[in-house]
Amino acid sequence: MRLLAMGGIAAACGLGLAIAVAVAAEEGSQTPSLLAEQGAALFERHCAVCHGEGGRGDGPAAPALRKAPADLTRIAARRGGTFPEAEVARIVDGRFDLPAHGSREMPVWGVRLGEDVPEEVAQEFVRGRIDMLVAHLRSLQREAD
């Protein structure tokens, strides 16, 4: 019974998060501050060890990696000034990369970001968490030097 109640609460939270993301997107908000703030916390917890606190690829684990982490502050600059939200979300998620395209250096966050919630609501949570990370990454973008 308690697990069902927790699942119901998690489902409600996941649905609420998904609705908030959809509403922010429909309202044309470029970087909803709540999403970016929550994304910053997720980034600090999961990404900064490799990409660095500022997202420049200079995290404490970076020297130990075979391939240097990307400078995430230059995503838009590398694409002519456009921040490709859907592409960034797909890369962060990682579950949809094709094995034929080579190995993946980064963890598959689409799996890891849903590990701490009940399976029946994991997809909503993962999508919301990825949207938060994407909003934060958008907020880190800087101009070409």
Protein backbone atom coordinates (compact mmCIF):
# COMPACT_ATOMS: atom_id res chain seq x y z
CA MET A 1 0.00 0.00 0.00
CA ARG A 2 2.77 2.41 0.94
CA LEU A 3 4.61 1.68 -2.33
CA LEU A 4 1.42 2.41 -4.27
CA ALA A 5 1.03 5.70 -2.43
CA MET A 6 4.66 6.61 -3.16
CA GLY A 7 4.14 5.65 -6.80
CA GLY A 8 1.05 7.86 -6.93
CA ILE A 9 2.93 10.77 -5.42
CA ALA A 10 5.82 10.24 -7.82
CA ALA A 11 3.39 10.05 -10.74
CA ALA A 12 1.72 13.30 -9.67
CA CYS A 13 5.10 15.02 -9.32
CA GLY A 14 6.25 13.71 -12.68
CA LEU A 15 3.05 14.82 -14.36
CA GLY A 16 3.32 18.23 -12.70
CA LEU A 17 6.90 18.59 -13.90
CA ALA A 18 5.97 17.55 -17.44
CA ILE A 19 3.10 20.08 -17.47
CA ALA A 20 5.37 22.86 -16.17
CA VAL A 21 7.89 22.13 -18.91
CA ALA A 22 5.17 22.09 -21.59
CA VAL A 23 3.60 25.34 -20.33
CA ALA A 24 6.98 27.10 -20.23
CA ALA A 25 7.70 25.94 -23.78
CA GLU A 26 4.28 27.07 -25.03
CA GLU A 27 4.70 30.47 -23.41
CA GLY A 28 7.84 30.92 -25.48
CA SER A 29 10.18 31.17 -22.53
CA GLN A 30 13.73 30.71 -23.80
CA THR A 31 15.17 29.55 -20.49
CA PRO A 32 12.53 29.23 -17.79
CA SER A 33 14.42 30.21 -14.66
CA LEU A 34 12.94 27.43 -12.53
CA LEU A 35 13.99 24.82 -15.08
CA ALA A 36 17.47 26.31 -15.39
CA GLU A 37 17.87 26.50 -11.60
CA GLN A 38 16.84 22.87 -11.16
CA GLY A 39 19.04 21.96 -14.10
CA ALA A 40 22.00 23.66 -12.42
CA ALA A 41 21.54 21.42 -9.38
CA LEU A 42 21.34 18.31 -11.58
CA PHE A 43 24.39 19.46 -13.53
CA GLU A 44 26.38 19.96 -10.34
CA ARG A 45 25.40 16.51 -9.09
CA HIS A 46 25.88 14.53 -12.30
CA CYS A 47 27.91 16.47 -14.87
CA ALA A 48 30.35 18.88 -13.22
CA VAL A 49 32.81 16.17 -12.22
CA CYS A 50 33.73 15.83 -15.90
CA HIS A 51 32.51 19.05 -17.54
CA GLY A 52 33.43 21.41 -14.68
CA GLU A 53 31.20 23.71 -12.65
CA GLY A 54 31.05 26.21 -15.50
CA GLY A 55 30.62 23.56 -18.20
CA ARG A 56 33.94 24.23 -19.94
CA GLY A 57 35.21 20.64 -19.84
CA ASP A 58 37.57 21.23 -16.96
CA GLY A 59 36.06 19.11 -14.19
CA PRO A 60 38.27 17.29 -11.67
CA ALA A 61 37.81 13.95 -13.48
CA ALA A 62 38.60 15.39 -16.93
CA PRO A 63 42.36 14.60 -16.89
CA ALA A 64 41.65 10.92 -16.22
CA LEU A 65 39.31 10.54 -19.21
CA ARG A 66 40.49 9.10 -22.52
CA LYS A 67 38.55 11.76 -24.44
CA ALA A 68 38.36 15.30 -23.08
CA PRO A 69 34.85 16.40 -22.06
CA ALA A 70 33.20 18.92 -24.37
CA ASP A 71 33.08 22.62 -23.57
CA LEU A 72 29.34 22.88 -23.09
CA THR A 73 29.39 26.69 -23.09
CA ARG A 74 30.11 26.68 -26.83
CA ILE A 75 27.32 24.43 -28.13
CA ALA A 76 25.48 27.29 -29.83
CA ALA A 77 28.71 28.92 -31.05
CA ARG A 78 29.72 25.66 -32.75
CA ARG A 79 26.33 25.65 -34.51
CA GLY A 80 26.26 29.16 -35.87
CA GLY A 81 24.61 30.72 -32.82
CA THR A 82 21.68 28.31 -32.59
CA PHE A 83 21.22 26.14 -29.51
CA PRO A 84 19.85 22.76 -30.72
CA GLU A 85 17.65 21.75 -27.78
CA ALA A 86 16.38 18.49 -29.26
CA GLU A 87 19.87 17.36 -30.26
CA VAL A 88 21.30 18.24 -26.84
CA ALA A 89 18.45 16.38 -25.11
CA ARG A 90 19.09 13.31 -27.28
CA ILE A 91 22.81 13.36 -26.50
CA VAL A 92 22.25 13.76 -22.76
CA ASP A 93 19.63 11.00 -22.77
CA GLY A 94 21.90 8.57 -24.63
CA ARG A 95 19.36 5.77 -24.94
CA PHE A 96 18.77 6.41 -28.61
CA ASP A 97 22.34 6.45 -29.92
CA LEU A 98 23.03 3.77 -32.48
CA PRO A 99 25.80 1.30 -31.53
CA ALA A 100 27.03 1.43 -35.12
CA HIS A 101 28.02 5.06 -34.53
CA GLY A 102 30.69 4.05 -32.04
CA SER A 103 30.99 3.85 -28.30
CA ARG A 104 29.64 6.45 -25.97
CA GLU A 105 32.02 8.23 -23.61
CA MET A 106 29.28 9.66 -21.40
CA PRO A 107 26.96 7.67 -19.13
CA VAL A 108 23.50 6.93 -20.52
CA TRP A 109 21.68 9.54 -18.44
CA GLY A 110 18.28 8.52 -19.79
CA VAL A 111 18.67 5.39 -17.66
CA ARG A 112 20.48 6.86 -14.67
CA LEU A 113 18.15 9.84 -14.22
CA GLY A 114 15.21 7.47 -13.80
CA GLU A 115 16.77 4.98 -11.40
CA ASP A 116 15.47 6.59 -8.21
CA VAL A 117 11.77 6.69 -9.12
CA PRO A 118 9.12 4.00 -9.63
CA GLU A 119 9.28 2.41 -13.08
CA GLU A 120 5.76 3.49 -14.03
CA VAL A 121 6.70 7.19 -13.84
CA ALA A 122 10.39 6.99 -14.70
CA GLN A 123 9.94 8.23 -18.28
CA GLU A 124 8.21 11.43 -17.15
CA PHE A 125 10.91 12.10 -14.58
CA VAL A 126 13.72 11.41 -17.05
CA ARG A 127 12.18 13.75 -19.64
CA GLY A 128 11.69 16.48 -17.03
CA ARG A 129 15.22 16.11 -15.69
CA ILE A 130 16.70 16.20 -19.18
CA ASP A 131 14.64 19.31 -19.97
CA MET A 132 16.05 20.93 -16.82
CA LEU A 133 19.61 20.06 -17.85
CA VAL A 134 19.00 21.41 -21.36
CA ALA A 135 17.63 24.67 -19.92
CA HIS A 136 20.74 24.98 -17.75
CA LEU A 137 23.05 24.26 -20.69
CA ARG A 138 21.23 26.92 -22.72
CA SER A 139 21.89 29.39 -19.90
CA LEU A 140 25.65 28.61 -20.01
CA GLN A 141 26.08 29.55 -23.66
CA ARG A 142 28.61 32.24 -24.50
CA GLU A 143 29.50 34.09 -27.65
CA ALA A 144 32.26 33.00 -29.98
CA ASP A 145 35.62 34.52 -29.04
